[in-house]
Amino acid sequence: MKIRTAAVAAIILASAGVMATALPASASWYPAQVSTIGAGATVRDCYHPVQWPSTNCPKVTFLPKGTAVHIICQRVGDLVYGTYGSSEVWDYVSVTVSGQTYEGLVADVNVYTGSNGLVADVCS
């Protein structure tokens, strides 16, 4: 399992007010990359309008495996199965591909962070 139940519970409690926020407020980021094992990862816009992170959010772009990303913050959303098992954690990322910068949510199970726990602040 990508993340322990206690860590998911902490995200749920800490992100209770997330739905009212349009964008994450964190000024720092954590370097990571899309898994080199899976097919890649889809960046999704769950902020316009603000909605629960899920695969139902509109697609922003698709990131090929190995793409470097900056995790700005993390939040809880729908349970997703991916390269690293299953998790309810979603990463708000910023990524530049071919000179174009994209931001949005990616299911954490498709991102290699080197950790089974949270690596960034909870989105506020």
N, C-alpha and C. Protein backbone atom coordinates (compact mmCIF):
# COMPACT_ATOMS: atom_id res chain seq x y z
N MET A 1 0.84 -1.17 0.00
CA MET A 1 0.00 0.00 0.00
C MET A 1 0.89 1.24 0.00
N LYS A 2 0.58 2.23 -0.82
CA LYS A 2 1.40 3.43 -0.99
C LYS A 2 1.44 4.27 0.29
N ILE A 3 0.37 4.37 1.01
CA ILE A 3 0.34 5.24 2.18
C ILE A 3 -0.45 4.58 3.29
N ARG A 4 0.00 4.74 4.50
CA ARG A 4 -0.66 4.12 5.64
C ARG A 4 -1.99 4.78 5.95
N THR A 5 -2.89 4.01 6.57
CA THR A 5 -4.22 4.50 6.92
C THR A 5 -4.14 5.72 7.84
N ALA A 6 -3.22 5.73 8.78
CA ALA A 6 -3.09 6.87 9.69
C ALA A 6 -2.74 8.15 8.94
N ALA A 7 -1.89 8.03 7.94
CA ALA A 7 -1.51 9.22 7.15
C ALA A 7 -2.69 9.72 6.35
N VAL A 8 -3.50 8.81 5.80
CA VAL A 8 -4.70 9.22 5.05
C VAL A 8 -5.66 9.91 6.00
N ALA A 9 -5.83 9.38 7.20
CA ALA A 9 -6.71 10.00 8.19
C ALA A 9 -6.24 11.41 8.52
N ALA A 10 -4.93 11.60 8.63
CA ALA A 10 -4.38 12.93 8.90
C ALA A 10 -4.68 13.89 7.77
N ILE A 11 -4.60 13.41 6.53
CA ILE A 11 -4.92 14.27 5.39
C ILE A 11 -6.38 14.66 5.42
N ILE A 12 -7.26 13.69 5.70
CA ILE A 12 -8.69 13.98 5.73
C ILE A 12 -8.99 15.05 6.77
N LEU A 13 -8.42 14.92 7.96
CA LEU A 13 -8.65 15.90 9.01
C LEU A 13 -8.06 17.25 8.65
N ALA A 14 -6.87 17.26 8.09
CA ALA A 14 -6.20 18.52 7.77
C ALA A 14 -6.79 19.21 6.56
N SER A 15 -7.46 18.47 5.69
CA SER A 15 -7.97 19.07 4.46
C SER A 15 -9.46 19.34 4.51
N ALA A 16 -10.04 19.39 5.69
CA ALA A 16 -11.48 19.60 5.81
C ALA A 16 -11.95 20.87 5.13
N GLY A 17 -11.13 21.91 5.10
CA GLY A 17 -11.52 23.17 4.46
C GLY A 17 -11.02 23.32 3.04
N VAL A 18 -10.44 22.29 2.46
CA VAL A 18 -9.83 22.38 1.14
C VAL A 18 -10.85 22.73 0.06
N MET A 19 -12.06 22.24 0.15
CA MET A 19 -13.04 22.44 -0.91
C MET A 19 -13.37 23.91 -1.15
N ALA A 20 -13.12 24.77 -0.17
CA ALA A 20 -13.42 26.19 -0.33
C ALA A 20 -12.26 26.97 -0.96
N THR A 21 -11.12 26.33 -1.15
CA THR A 21 -9.93 26.99 -1.66
C THR A 21 -9.77 26.75 -3.15
N ALA A 22 -9.47 27.80 -3.90
CA ALA A 22 -9.32 27.67 -5.34
C ALA A 22 -7.96 27.10 -5.73
N LEU A 23 -6.90 27.50 -5.04
CA LEU A 23 -5.56 27.04 -5.37
C LEU A 23 -4.77 26.76 -4.10
N PRO A 24 -3.81 25.86 -4.15
CA PRO A 24 -2.98 25.60 -2.98
C PRO A 24 -2.15 26.82 -2.58
N ALA A 25 -1.86 26.92 -1.29
CA ALA A 25 -1.16 28.10 -0.81
C ALA A 25 0.32 27.86 -0.51
N SER A 26 0.82 26.65 -0.67
CA SER A 26 2.19 26.34 -0.32
C SER A 26 3.19 27.02 -1.27
N ALA A 27 4.27 27.56 -0.70
CA ALA A 27 5.29 28.24 -1.52
C ALA A 27 6.45 27.30 -1.84
N SER A 28 6.54 26.16 -1.17
CA SER A 28 7.62 25.23 -1.43
C SER A 28 7.10 24.04 -2.24
N TRP A 29 8.04 23.20 -2.71
CA TRP A 29 7.64 22.03 -3.47
C TRP A 29 8.62 20.89 -3.24
N TYR A 30 8.19 19.69 -3.60
CA TYR A 30 8.99 18.49 -3.43
C TYR A 30 9.25 17.89 -4.82
N PRO A 31 10.51 17.60 -5.16
CA PRO A 31 10.80 17.02 -6.47
C PRO A 31 10.42 15.53 -6.53
N ALA A 32 9.80 15.11 -7.62
CA ALA A 32 9.41 13.72 -7.81
C ALA A 32 9.36 13.45 -9.31
N GLN A 33 8.96 12.26 -9.67
CA GLN A 33 8.81 11.96 -11.10
C GLN A 33 7.68 10.96 -11.31
N VAL A 34 7.07 11.02 -12.47
CA VAL A 34 6.06 10.04 -12.84
C VAL A 34 6.76 8.69 -12.89
N SER A 35 6.09 7.67 -12.40
CA SER A 35 6.67 6.33 -12.36
C SER A 35 7.27 5.92 -13.70
N THR A 36 8.41 5.27 -13.65
CA THR A 36 9.02 4.75 -14.88
C THR A 36 8.52 3.33 -15.17
N ILE A 37 7.72 2.78 -14.27
CA ILE A 37 7.18 1.43 -14.43
C ILE A 37 5.87 1.46 -15.21
N GLY A 38 4.98 2.37 -14.88
CA GLY A 38 3.65 2.43 -15.51
C GLY A 38 3.66 3.13 -16.84
N ALA A 39 2.48 3.42 -17.34
CA ALA A 39 2.32 4.05 -18.65
C ALA A 39 2.51 5.57 -18.60
N GLY A 40 2.36 6.16 -17.43
CA GLY A 40 2.43 7.61 -17.29
C GLY A 40 1.37 8.06 -16.30
N ALA A 41 1.04 9.35 -16.33
CA ALA A 41 0.05 9.89 -15.40
C ALA A 41 -0.72 11.03 -16.04
N THR A 42 -1.98 11.15 -15.67
CA THR A 42 -2.83 12.22 -16.17
C THR A 42 -2.91 13.34 -15.14
N VAL A 43 -2.66 14.57 -15.57
CA VAL A 43 -2.83 15.74 -14.72
C VAL A 43 -4.28 16.18 -14.89
N ARG A 44 -4.98 16.42 -13.78
CA ARG A 44 -6.41 16.77 -13.83
C ARG A 44 -6.68 18.10 -13.15
N ASP A 45 -7.67 18.83 -13.66
CA ASP A 45 -8.10 20.11 -13.09
C ASP A 45 -9.33 19.89 -12.24
N CYS A 46 -9.13 19.81 -10.92
CA CYS A 46 -10.23 19.64 -9.98
C CYS A 46 -10.52 20.95 -9.24
N TYR A 47 -10.03 22.07 -9.77
CA TYR A 47 -10.19 23.36 -9.11
C TYR A 47 -11.09 24.33 -9.88
N HIS A 48 -11.43 24.04 -11.11
CA HIS A 48 -12.25 24.95 -11.93
C HIS A 48 -13.41 24.21 -12.55
N PRO A 49 -14.54 24.00 -11.89
CA PRO A 49 -14.84 24.43 -10.52
C PRO A 49 -14.19 23.51 -9.50
N VAL A 50 -14.12 23.99 -8.25
CA VAL A 50 -13.54 23.21 -7.17
C VAL A 50 -14.37 21.95 -6.97
N GLN A 51 -13.70 20.81 -7.01
CA GLN A 51 -14.37 19.53 -6.81
C GLN A 51 -13.43 18.54 -6.16
N TRP A 52 -13.99 17.43 -5.70
CA TRP A 52 -13.25 16.36 -5.07
C TRP A 52 -12.28 15.75 -6.08
N PRO A 53 -11.00 15.53 -5.74
CA PRO A 53 -10.06 14.92 -6.68
C PRO A 53 -10.53 13.52 -7.11
N SER A 54 -10.65 13.33 -8.41
CA SER A 54 -11.06 12.04 -8.95
C SER A 54 -10.71 11.97 -10.43
N THR A 55 -10.88 10.80 -10.99
CA THR A 55 -10.64 10.63 -12.42
C THR A 55 -11.74 11.28 -13.25
N ASN A 56 -12.78 11.82 -12.59
CA ASN A 56 -13.84 12.53 -13.29
C ASN A 56 -13.48 13.98 -13.59
N CYS A 57 -12.45 14.50 -12.95
CA CYS A 57 -12.01 15.88 -13.20
C CYS A 57 -11.45 15.96 -14.63
N PRO A 58 -11.62 17.12 -15.28
CA PRO A 58 -11.13 17.26 -16.66
C PRO A 58 -9.62 17.07 -16.77
N LYS A 59 -9.21 16.46 -17.87
CA LYS A 59 -7.79 16.22 -18.15
C LYS A 59 -7.12 17.52 -18.57
N VAL A 60 -5.95 17.80 -17.97
CA VAL A 60 -5.14 18.95 -18.34
C VAL A 60 -4.10 18.51 -19.37
N THR A 61 -3.39 17.44 -19.05
CA THR A 61 -2.37 16.88 -19.95
C THR A 61 -2.02 15.48 -19.47
N PHE A 62 -1.34 14.76 -20.31
CA PHE A 62 -0.83 13.43 -19.95
C PHE A 62 0.69 13.52 -19.86
N LEU A 63 1.25 12.96 -18.80
CA LEU A 63 2.71 12.98 -18.60
C LEU A 63 3.28 11.60 -18.85
N PRO A 64 4.25 11.51 -19.76
CA PRO A 64 4.89 10.21 -20.00
C PRO A 64 5.68 9.75 -18.78
N LYS A 65 5.92 8.44 -18.70
CA LYS A 65 6.68 7.91 -17.57
C LYS A 65 8.05 8.57 -17.49
N GLY A 66 8.48 8.81 -16.24
CA GLY A 66 9.77 9.44 -16.00
C GLY A 66 9.77 10.96 -16.00
N THR A 67 8.64 11.59 -16.31
CA THR A 67 8.56 13.06 -16.34
C THR A 67 8.78 13.63 -14.94
N ALA A 68 9.67 14.61 -14.81
CA ALA A 68 9.92 15.27 -13.53
C ALA A 68 8.76 16.19 -13.19
N VAL A 69 8.32 16.15 -11.93
CA VAL A 69 7.24 17.02 -11.45
C VAL A 69 7.65 17.67 -10.14
N HIS A 70 7.02 18.79 -9.84
CA HIS A 70 7.18 19.45 -8.54
C HIS A 70 5.87 19.26 -7.79
N ILE A 71 5.90 18.55 -6.67
CA ILE A 71 4.70 18.39 -5.86
C ILE A 71 4.59 19.61 -4.95
N ILE A 72 3.56 20.39 -5.15
CA ILE A 72 3.36 21.62 -4.37
C ILE A 72 2.68 21.28 -3.04
N CYS A 73 1.68 20.41 -3.10
CA CYS A 73 0.98 19.98 -1.89
C CYS A 73 0.23 18.70 -2.21
N GLN A 74 -0.33 18.08 -1.18
CA GLN A 74 -1.07 16.83 -1.35
C GLN A 74 -2.41 16.93 -0.65
N ARG A 75 -3.40 16.18 -1.18
CA ARG A 75 -4.72 16.16 -0.56
C ARG A 75 -5.39 14.82 -0.80
N VAL A 76 -6.45 14.57 -0.08
CA VAL A 76 -7.18 13.32 -0.20
C VAL A 76 -8.23 13.45 -1.29
N GLY A 77 -8.51 12.34 -1.95
CA GLY A 77 -9.53 12.28 -2.99
C GLY A 77 -9.99 10.86 -3.17
N ASP A 78 -10.52 10.56 -4.35
CA ASP A 78 -10.97 9.20 -4.63
C ASP A 78 -9.83 8.20 -4.56
N LEU A 79 -10.16 6.99 -4.16
CA LEU A 79 -9.21 5.90 -4.14
C LEU A 79 -8.86 5.53 -5.58
N VAL A 80 -7.57 5.46 -5.86
CA VAL A 80 -7.09 5.14 -7.20
C VAL A 80 -6.11 3.99 -7.10
N TYR A 81 -6.17 3.09 -8.07
CA TYR A 81 -5.22 1.98 -8.17
C TYR A 81 -4.23 2.33 -9.27
N GLY A 82 -2.94 2.16 -8.99
CA GLY A 82 -1.93 2.51 -9.97
C GLY A 82 -0.66 1.72 -9.79
N THR A 83 0.42 2.25 -10.30
CA THR A 83 1.72 1.60 -10.31
C THR A 83 2.16 1.15 -8.92
N TYR A 84 1.92 1.97 -7.91
CA TYR A 84 2.41 1.68 -6.56
C TYR A 84 1.30 1.21 -5.63
N GLY A 85 0.28 0.55 -6.14
CA GLY A 85 -0.79 0.03 -5.29
C GLY A 85 -2.02 0.90 -5.35
N SER A 86 -2.62 1.16 -4.19
CA SER A 86 -3.82 2.00 -4.13
C SER A 86 -3.63 3.07 -3.07
N SER A 87 -4.27 4.21 -3.30
CA SER A 87 -4.15 5.33 -2.37
C SER A 87 -5.26 6.34 -2.65
N GLU A 88 -5.58 7.11 -1.63
CA GLU A 88 -6.52 8.22 -1.75
C GLU A 88 -5.78 9.55 -1.83
N VAL A 89 -4.46 9.51 -1.87
CA VAL A 89 -3.65 10.72 -1.91
C VAL A 89 -3.50 11.20 -3.36
N TRP A 90 -3.68 12.49 -3.55
CA TRP A 90 -3.48 13.14 -4.85
C TRP A 90 -2.44 14.23 -4.67
N ASP A 91 -1.57 14.39 -5.65
CA ASP A 91 -0.50 15.39 -5.62
C ASP A 91 -0.87 16.57 -6.50
N TYR A 92 -0.82 17.79 -5.94
CA TYR A 92 -0.98 18.99 -6.76
C TYR A 92 0.41 19.30 -7.31
N VAL A 93 0.57 19.19 -8.62
CA VAL A 93 1.89 19.31 -9.23
C VAL A 93 1.97 20.49 -10.18
N SER A 94 3.20 20.92 -10.39
CA SER A 94 3.54 21.87 -11.44
C SER A 94 4.61 21.18 -12.27
N VAL A 95 4.44 21.22 -13.59
CA VAL A 95 5.37 20.52 -14.47
C VAL A 95 5.50 21.30 -15.77
N THR A 96 6.71 21.36 -16.29
CA THR A 96 6.95 22.02 -17.57
C THR A 96 7.35 20.96 -18.59
N VAL A 97 6.60 20.90 -19.68
CA VAL A 97 6.85 19.95 -20.76
C VAL A 97 6.92 20.73 -22.07
N SER A 98 8.03 20.62 -22.76
CA SER A 98 8.23 21.31 -24.05
C SER A 98 7.94 22.81 -23.95
N GLY A 99 8.41 23.43 -22.86
CA GLY A 99 8.24 24.86 -22.68
C GLY A 99 6.88 25.30 -22.17
N GLN A 100 5.94 24.38 -22.01
CA GLN A 100 4.59 24.70 -21.51
C GLN A 100 4.47 24.22 -20.07
N THR A 101 4.03 25.10 -19.16
CA THR A 101 3.86 24.74 -17.76
C THR A 101 2.41 24.35 -17.49
N TYR A 102 2.23 23.23 -16.81
CA TYR A 102 0.90 22.73 -16.44
C TYR A 102 0.83 22.59 -14.94
N GLU A 103 -0.35 22.78 -14.37
CA GLU A 103 -0.60 22.53 -12.95
C GLU A 103 -1.89 21.75 -12.81
N GLY A 104 -1.94 20.91 -11.81
CA GLY A 104 -3.15 20.14 -11.56
C GLY A 104 -2.86 18.98 -10.63
N LEU A 105 -3.85 18.12 -10.47
CA LEU A 105 -3.75 16.99 -9.57
C LEU A 105 -3.42 15.70 -10.31
N VAL A 106 -2.53 14.92 -9.72
CA VAL A 106 -2.13 13.62 -10.24
C VAL A 106 -2.29 12.62 -9.10
N ALA A 107 -2.83 11.45 -9.41
CA ALA A 107 -2.94 10.40 -8.39
C ALA A 107 -1.54 10.01 -7.92
N ASP A 108 -1.33 10.05 -6.61
CA ASP A 108 -0.01 9.78 -6.03
C ASP A 108 0.50 8.38 -6.36
N VAL A 109 -0.38 7.43 -6.63
CA VAL A 109 0.05 6.06 -6.94
C VAL A 109 0.80 5.97 -8.26
N ASN A 110 0.80 7.02 -9.04
CA ASN A 110 1.52 7.02 -10.31
C ASN A 110 2.76 7.92 -10.28
N VAL A 111 3.12 8.38 -9.08
CA VAL A 111 4.27 9.27 -8.92
C VAL A 111 5.27 8.63 -7.96
N TYR A 112 6.54 8.59 -8.37
CA TYR A 112 7.59 8.06 -7.50
C TYR A 112 8.13 9.19 -6.64
N THR A 113 7.93 9.07 -5.31
CA THR A 113 8.42 10.08 -4.38
C THR A 113 9.55 9.55 -3.51
N GLY A 114 9.76 8.23 -3.49
CA GLY A 114 10.77 7.64 -2.63
C GLY A 114 10.29 7.44 -1.20
N SER A 115 8.97 7.64 -0.98
CA SER A 115 8.43 7.52 0.37
C SER A 115 7.05 6.88 0.32
N ASN A 116 6.70 6.16 1.39
CA ASN A 116 5.34 5.63 1.53
C ASN A 116 4.44 6.60 2.28
N GLY A 117 4.99 7.71 2.74
CA GLY A 117 4.22 8.71 3.48
C GLY A 117 4.08 9.99 2.69
N LEU A 118 3.54 10.98 3.34
CA LEU A 118 3.41 12.30 2.72
C LEU A 118 4.77 12.92 2.53
N VAL A 119 4.95 13.64 1.43
CA VAL A 119 6.24 14.28 1.16
C VAL A 119 6.10 15.80 1.04
N ALA A 120 4.87 16.29 1.05
CA ALA A 120 4.63 17.73 0.90
C ALA A 120 3.54 18.16 1.85
N ASP A 121 3.35 19.45 1.97
CA ASP A 121 2.29 19.98 2.81
C ASP A 121 0.93 19.53 2.30
N VAL A 122 -0.06 19.52 3.21
CA VAL A 122 -1.44 19.26 2.82
C VAL A 122 -1.97 20.54 2.18
N CYS A 123 -2.63 20.42 1.04
CA CYS A 123 -3.18 21.59 0.36
C CYS A 123 -4.15 22.31 1.29
N SER A 124 -4.05 23.63 1.33
CA SER A 124 -4.95 24.40 2.21
C SER A 124 -5.95 25.16 1.40
